[in-house]
Amino acid sequence: MRLAASDSALEFIETHGGRLYIWIKQSRCCGGLHTIGTATEAPPKITFRQLDNACTRLAPFVPEPHGRMPDALHVELLTFPPRVQPYWNGGPWVASTAHV
């Protein structure tokens, strides 16, 4: 998985501990659409493991076992409220048929 993050997203993640937790969420509406969850602190009830990553400024963590991962994950910072927004292979969602 290639991980690309904007400078503002990297700065936000660094000031919040330097870790980025990435997982798949299933919505209750829209036929069970899968979206990407990210946080700088591990959410409860999920066990994570760190991914190998070429970016030394960011420590990405994924669920164990993690299932299918994107070819590329892009991370941007949204400003109101400040939060990290991930894009899986260019989009903010994962196909509902994906095995996650």
N, C-alpha and C. Protein backbone atom coordinates (compact mmCIF):
# COMPACT_ATOMS: atom_id res chain seq x y z
N MET A 1 0.85 -1.17 0.00
CA MET A 1 0.00 0.00 0.00
C MET A 1 0.89 1.23 0.00
N ARG A 2 0.67 2.12 -0.98
CA ARG A 2 1.36 3.41 -0.99
C ARG A 2 0.56 4.36 -0.12
N LEU A 3 1.24 5.09 0.72
CA LEU A 3 0.59 6.04 1.61
C LEU A 3 1.11 7.42 1.28
N ALA A 4 0.21 8.33 0.94
CA ALA A 4 0.58 9.71 0.64
C ALA A 4 -0.24 10.63 1.53
N ALA A 5 0.41 11.59 2.14
CA ALA A 5 -0.28 12.52 3.03
C ALA A 5 0.17 13.93 2.73
N SER A 6 -0.79 14.85 2.79
CA SER A 6 -0.45 16.26 2.59
C SER A 6 0.38 16.73 3.77
N ASP A 7 1.11 17.82 3.57
CA ASP A 7 1.93 18.37 4.66
C ASP A 7 1.07 18.75 5.86
N SER A 8 -0.11 19.32 5.61
CA SER A 8 -0.98 19.71 6.73
C SER A 8 -1.50 18.48 7.48
N ALA A 9 -1.79 17.40 6.76
CA ALA A 9 -2.24 16.17 7.42
C ALA A 9 -1.11 15.57 8.25
N LEU A 10 0.10 15.55 7.68
CA LEU A 10 1.25 15.04 8.43
C LEU A 10 1.50 15.84 9.70
N GLU A 11 1.42 17.16 9.59
CA GLU A 11 1.62 18.02 10.76
C GLU A 11 0.56 17.73 11.83
N PHE A 12 -0.70 17.59 11.42
CA PHE A 12 -1.78 17.28 12.35
C PHE A 12 -1.53 15.94 13.05
N ILE A 13 -1.17 14.92 12.27
CA ILE A 13 -0.92 13.59 12.83
C ILE A 13 0.28 13.63 13.78
N GLU A 14 1.34 14.33 13.39
CA GLU A 14 2.52 14.43 14.25
C GLU A 14 2.20 15.09 15.58
N THR A 15 1.40 16.15 15.56
CA THR A 15 1.06 16.86 16.81
C THR A 15 0.09 16.06 17.67
N HIS A 16 -0.48 14.99 17.11
CA HIS A 16 -1.39 14.13 17.87
C HIS A 16 -0.80 12.74 18.09
N GLY A 17 0.54 12.65 18.16
CA GLY A 17 1.19 11.40 18.52
C GLY A 17 1.90 10.67 17.39
N GLY A 18 1.69 11.07 16.15
CA GLY A 18 2.42 10.47 15.03
C GLY A 18 1.88 9.16 14.50
N ARG A 19 0.76 8.70 15.05
CA ARG A 19 0.17 7.44 14.60
C ARG A 19 -1.13 7.70 13.86
N LEU A 20 -1.36 6.90 12.81
CA LEU A 20 -2.62 6.98 12.08
C LEU A 20 -3.24 5.59 12.05
N TYR A 21 -4.41 5.45 12.66
CA TYR A 21 -5.14 4.19 12.67
C TYR A 21 -6.14 4.22 11.52
N ILE A 22 -6.15 3.15 10.72
CA ILE A 22 -6.97 3.07 9.52
C ILE A 22 -7.80 1.79 9.59
N TRP A 23 -9.11 1.91 9.41
CA TRP A 23 -9.96 0.73 9.42
C TRP A 23 -11.15 0.96 8.50
N ILE A 24 -11.90 -0.10 8.22
CA ILE A 24 -13.07 -0.03 7.37
C ILE A 24 -14.31 -0.01 8.25
N LYS A 25 -15.21 0.93 7.97
CA LYS A 25 -16.48 1.05 8.70
C LYS A 25 -17.61 0.68 7.74
N GLN A 26 -18.62 0.00 8.26
CA GLN A 26 -19.79 -0.31 7.45
C GLN A 26 -20.95 0.54 7.93
N SER A 27 -21.53 1.27 6.99
CA SER A 27 -22.63 2.15 7.35
C SER A 27 -23.91 1.34 7.50
N ARG A 28 -24.83 1.86 8.26
CA ARG A 28 -26.12 1.19 8.46
C ARG A 28 -27.11 1.54 7.36
N CYS A 29 -26.77 2.53 6.57
CA CYS A 29 -27.66 2.92 5.48
C CYS A 29 -27.00 2.65 4.14
N CYS A 30 -27.67 2.96 3.09
CA CYS A 30 -27.12 2.90 1.72
C CYS A 30 -26.64 1.52 1.33
N GLY A 31 -27.31 0.48 1.81
CA GLY A 31 -26.93 -0.88 1.45
C GLY A 31 -25.65 -1.37 2.09
N GLY A 32 -25.25 -0.77 3.19
CA GLY A 32 -24.05 -1.21 3.88
C GLY A 32 -22.76 -0.71 3.26
N LEU A 33 -22.77 0.53 2.78
CA LEU A 33 -21.60 1.13 2.17
C LEU A 33 -20.42 1.09 3.14
N HIS A 34 -19.25 0.71 2.64
CA HIS A 34 -18.04 0.68 3.45
C HIS A 34 -17.29 1.99 3.25
N THR A 35 -16.90 2.61 4.36
CA THR A 35 -16.10 3.83 4.31
C THR A 35 -14.82 3.59 5.12
N ILE A 36 -13.91 4.53 5.01
CA ILE A 36 -12.64 4.40 5.70
C ILE A 36 -12.69 5.21 6.99
N GLY A 37 -12.32 4.58 8.08
CA GLY A 37 -12.20 5.29 9.34
C GLY A 37 -10.73 5.57 9.61
N THR A 38 -10.43 6.75 10.10
CA THR A 38 -9.07 7.08 10.52
C THR A 38 -9.12 7.84 11.82
N ALA A 39 -8.09 7.69 12.61
CA ALA A 39 -7.98 8.42 13.87
C ALA A 39 -6.52 8.42 14.30
N THR A 40 -6.18 9.35 15.17
CA THR A 40 -4.82 9.39 15.70
C THR A 40 -4.72 8.62 17.01
N GLU A 41 -5.85 8.10 17.49
CA GLU A 41 -5.88 7.22 18.65
C GLU A 41 -6.66 5.97 18.27
N ALA A 42 -6.23 4.82 18.78
CA ALA A 42 -6.89 3.56 18.43
C ALA A 42 -8.32 3.53 18.95
N PRO A 43 -9.27 3.20 18.07
CA PRO A 43 -10.64 3.05 18.55
C PRO A 43 -10.76 1.78 19.39
N PRO A 44 -11.72 1.74 20.31
CA PRO A 44 -11.86 0.56 21.16
C PRO A 44 -12.33 -0.65 20.35
N LYS A 45 -12.05 -1.82 20.88
CA LYS A 45 -12.53 -3.10 20.35
C LYS A 45 -11.90 -3.51 19.02
N ILE A 46 -10.83 -2.84 18.58
CA ILE A 46 -10.13 -3.25 17.37
C ILE A 46 -8.65 -3.42 17.73
N THR A 47 -8.07 -4.54 17.33
CA THR A 47 -6.65 -4.79 17.54
C THR A 47 -5.91 -4.39 16.27
N PHE A 48 -4.89 -3.56 16.40
CA PHE A 48 -4.15 -3.02 15.26
C PHE A 48 -2.73 -3.54 15.23
N ARG A 49 -2.14 -3.52 14.03
CA ARG A 49 -0.71 -3.77 13.86
C ARG A 49 -0.15 -2.70 12.95
N GLN A 50 1.13 -2.38 13.14
CA GLN A 50 1.76 -1.33 12.34
C GLN A 50 2.16 -1.87 10.98
N LEU A 51 1.91 -1.08 9.93
CA LEU A 51 2.33 -1.42 8.57
C LEU A 51 3.75 -0.92 8.33
N ASP A 52 4.46 -1.63 7.48
CA ASP A 52 5.74 -1.10 7.00
C ASP A 52 5.42 0.12 6.16
N ASN A 53 6.21 1.16 6.29
CA ASN A 53 5.89 2.40 5.62
C ASN A 53 7.16 3.17 5.29
N ALA A 54 7.23 3.65 4.06
CA ALA A 54 8.41 4.42 3.63
C ALA A 54 8.43 5.82 4.23
N CYS A 55 7.28 6.33 4.65
CA CYS A 55 7.19 7.67 5.22
C CYS A 55 7.60 7.61 6.69
N THR A 56 8.71 8.21 7.03
CA THR A 56 9.20 8.14 8.40
C THR A 56 8.46 9.09 9.35
N ARG A 57 7.65 9.98 8.80
CA ARG A 57 6.91 10.93 9.64
C ARG A 57 5.57 10.39 10.11
N LEU A 58 5.20 9.19 9.67
CA LEU A 58 3.87 8.67 9.93
C LEU A 58 3.94 7.19 10.24
N ALA A 59 3.28 6.75 11.30
CA ALA A 59 3.21 5.34 11.64
C ALA A 59 1.78 4.86 11.40
N PRO A 60 1.53 4.17 10.26
CA PRO A 60 0.17 3.70 9.98
C PRO A 60 -0.11 2.36 10.65
N PHE A 61 -1.31 2.23 11.19
CA PHE A 61 -1.75 1.00 11.85
C PHE A 61 -3.05 0.54 11.19
N VAL A 62 -3.18 -0.77 10.98
CA VAL A 62 -4.38 -1.36 10.39
C VAL A 62 -4.87 -2.49 11.29
N PRO A 63 -6.15 -2.87 11.18
CA PRO A 63 -6.65 -3.97 12.00
C PRO A 63 -5.92 -5.27 11.73
N GLU A 64 -5.86 -6.10 12.73
CA GLU A 64 -5.25 -7.42 12.60
C GLU A 64 -6.34 -8.45 12.73
N PRO A 65 -6.64 -9.30 11.77
CA PRO A 65 -6.12 -9.28 10.41
C PRO A 65 -6.79 -8.16 9.62
N HIS A 66 -6.12 -7.63 8.62
CA HIS A 66 -6.64 -6.44 7.95
C HIS A 66 -7.39 -6.71 6.66
N GLY A 67 -7.32 -7.88 6.07
CA GLY A 67 -8.04 -8.14 4.82
C GLY A 67 -7.46 -7.31 3.68
N ARG A 68 -8.31 -6.97 2.74
CA ARG A 68 -7.86 -6.25 1.55
C ARG A 68 -7.53 -4.80 1.87
N MET A 69 -6.40 -4.34 1.36
CA MET A 69 -5.99 -2.95 1.55
C MET A 69 -5.92 -2.28 0.18
N PRO A 70 -6.01 -0.95 0.15
CA PRO A 70 -5.96 -0.26 -1.14
C PRO A 70 -4.55 -0.28 -1.73
N ASP A 71 -4.48 -0.03 -3.04
CA ASP A 71 -3.18 0.15 -3.68
C ASP A 71 -2.55 1.43 -3.16
N ALA A 72 -3.40 2.46 -2.98
CA ALA A 72 -2.92 3.76 -2.52
C ALA A 72 -3.92 4.34 -1.53
N LEU A 73 -3.42 4.90 -0.46
CA LEU A 73 -4.25 5.61 0.51
C LEU A 73 -3.70 7.03 0.61
N HIS A 74 -4.53 8.01 0.27
CA HIS A 74 -4.16 9.42 0.34
C HIS A 74 -4.85 10.03 1.55
N VAL A 75 -4.12 10.85 2.27
CA VAL A 75 -4.64 11.46 3.50
C VAL A 75 -4.54 12.97 3.39
N GLU A 76 -5.66 13.63 3.62
CA GLU A 76 -5.73 15.10 3.61
C GLU A 76 -6.26 15.56 4.96
N LEU A 77 -6.05 16.82 5.26
CA LEU A 77 -6.58 17.41 6.49
C LEU A 77 -7.78 18.27 6.13
N LEU A 78 -8.92 17.97 6.77
CA LEU A 78 -10.10 18.84 6.66
C LEU A 78 -10.05 19.78 7.85
N THR A 79 -10.47 21.02 7.65
CA THR A 79 -10.22 22.02 8.69
C THR A 79 -11.37 22.29 9.65
N PHE A 80 -12.60 21.95 9.30
CA PHE A 80 -13.69 22.27 10.22
C PHE A 80 -14.66 21.11 10.33
N PRO A 81 -14.65 20.42 11.44
CA PRO A 81 -13.63 20.45 12.49
C PRO A 81 -12.36 19.77 11.99
N PRO A 82 -11.21 20.09 12.58
CA PRO A 82 -9.97 19.50 12.11
C PRO A 82 -10.01 17.97 12.22
N ARG A 83 -9.77 17.31 11.10
CA ARG A 83 -9.77 15.86 11.09
C ARG A 83 -9.05 15.36 9.84
N VAL A 84 -8.57 14.14 9.91
CA VAL A 84 -7.88 13.51 8.80
C VAL A 84 -8.91 12.83 7.91
N GLN A 85 -8.84 13.09 6.61
CA GLN A 85 -9.75 12.48 5.64
C GLN A 85 -8.96 11.56 4.72
N PRO A 86 -9.27 10.26 4.73
CA PRO A 86 -8.56 9.34 3.85
C PRO A 86 -9.28 9.14 2.52
N TYR A 87 -8.54 8.80 1.50
CA TYR A 87 -9.10 8.47 0.19
C TYR A 87 -8.50 7.15 -0.27
N TRP A 88 -9.33 6.11 -0.38
CA TRP A 88 -8.92 4.75 -0.77
C TRP A 88 -8.89 4.70 -2.29
N ASN A 89 -7.73 4.53 -2.87
CA ASN A 89 -7.57 4.50 -4.33
C ASN A 89 -8.28 5.69 -4.98
N GLY A 90 -8.23 6.85 -4.34
CA GLY A 90 -8.79 8.07 -4.90
C GLY A 90 -10.18 8.44 -4.43
N GLY A 91 -10.89 7.54 -3.75
CA GLY A 91 -12.26 7.83 -3.31
C GLY A 91 -12.42 7.71 -1.81
N PRO A 92 -13.46 8.35 -1.23
CA PRO A 92 -13.66 8.33 0.22
C PRO A 92 -14.42 7.10 0.71
N TRP A 93 -14.65 6.11 -0.16
CA TRP A 93 -15.39 4.92 0.23
C TRP A 93 -14.72 3.70 -0.40
N VAL A 94 -15.21 2.54 0.02
CA VAL A 94 -14.75 1.25 -0.50
C VAL A 94 -15.99 0.58 -1.07
N ALA A 95 -15.88 -0.11 -2.19
CA ALA A 95 -17.04 -0.78 -2.78
C ALA A 95 -17.69 -1.70 -1.76
N SER A 96 -19.02 -1.73 -1.72
CA SER A 96 -19.73 -2.49 -0.72
C SER A 96 -19.49 -3.99 -0.84
N THR A 97 -18.95 -4.45 -1.98
CA THR A 97 -18.67 -5.86 -2.14
C THR A 97 -17.25 -6.23 -1.71
N ALA A 98 -16.50 -5.26 -1.25
CA ALA A 98 -15.10 -5.51 -0.87
C ALA A 98 -15.04 -6.45 0.33
N HIS A 99 -14.07 -7.33 0.32
CA HIS A 99 -13.82 -8.19 1.48
C HIS A 99 -12.89 -7.42 2.40
N VAL A 100 -13.38 -7.08 3.58
CA VAL A 100 -12.57 -6.31 4.52
C VAL A 100 -12.45 -7.04 5.83
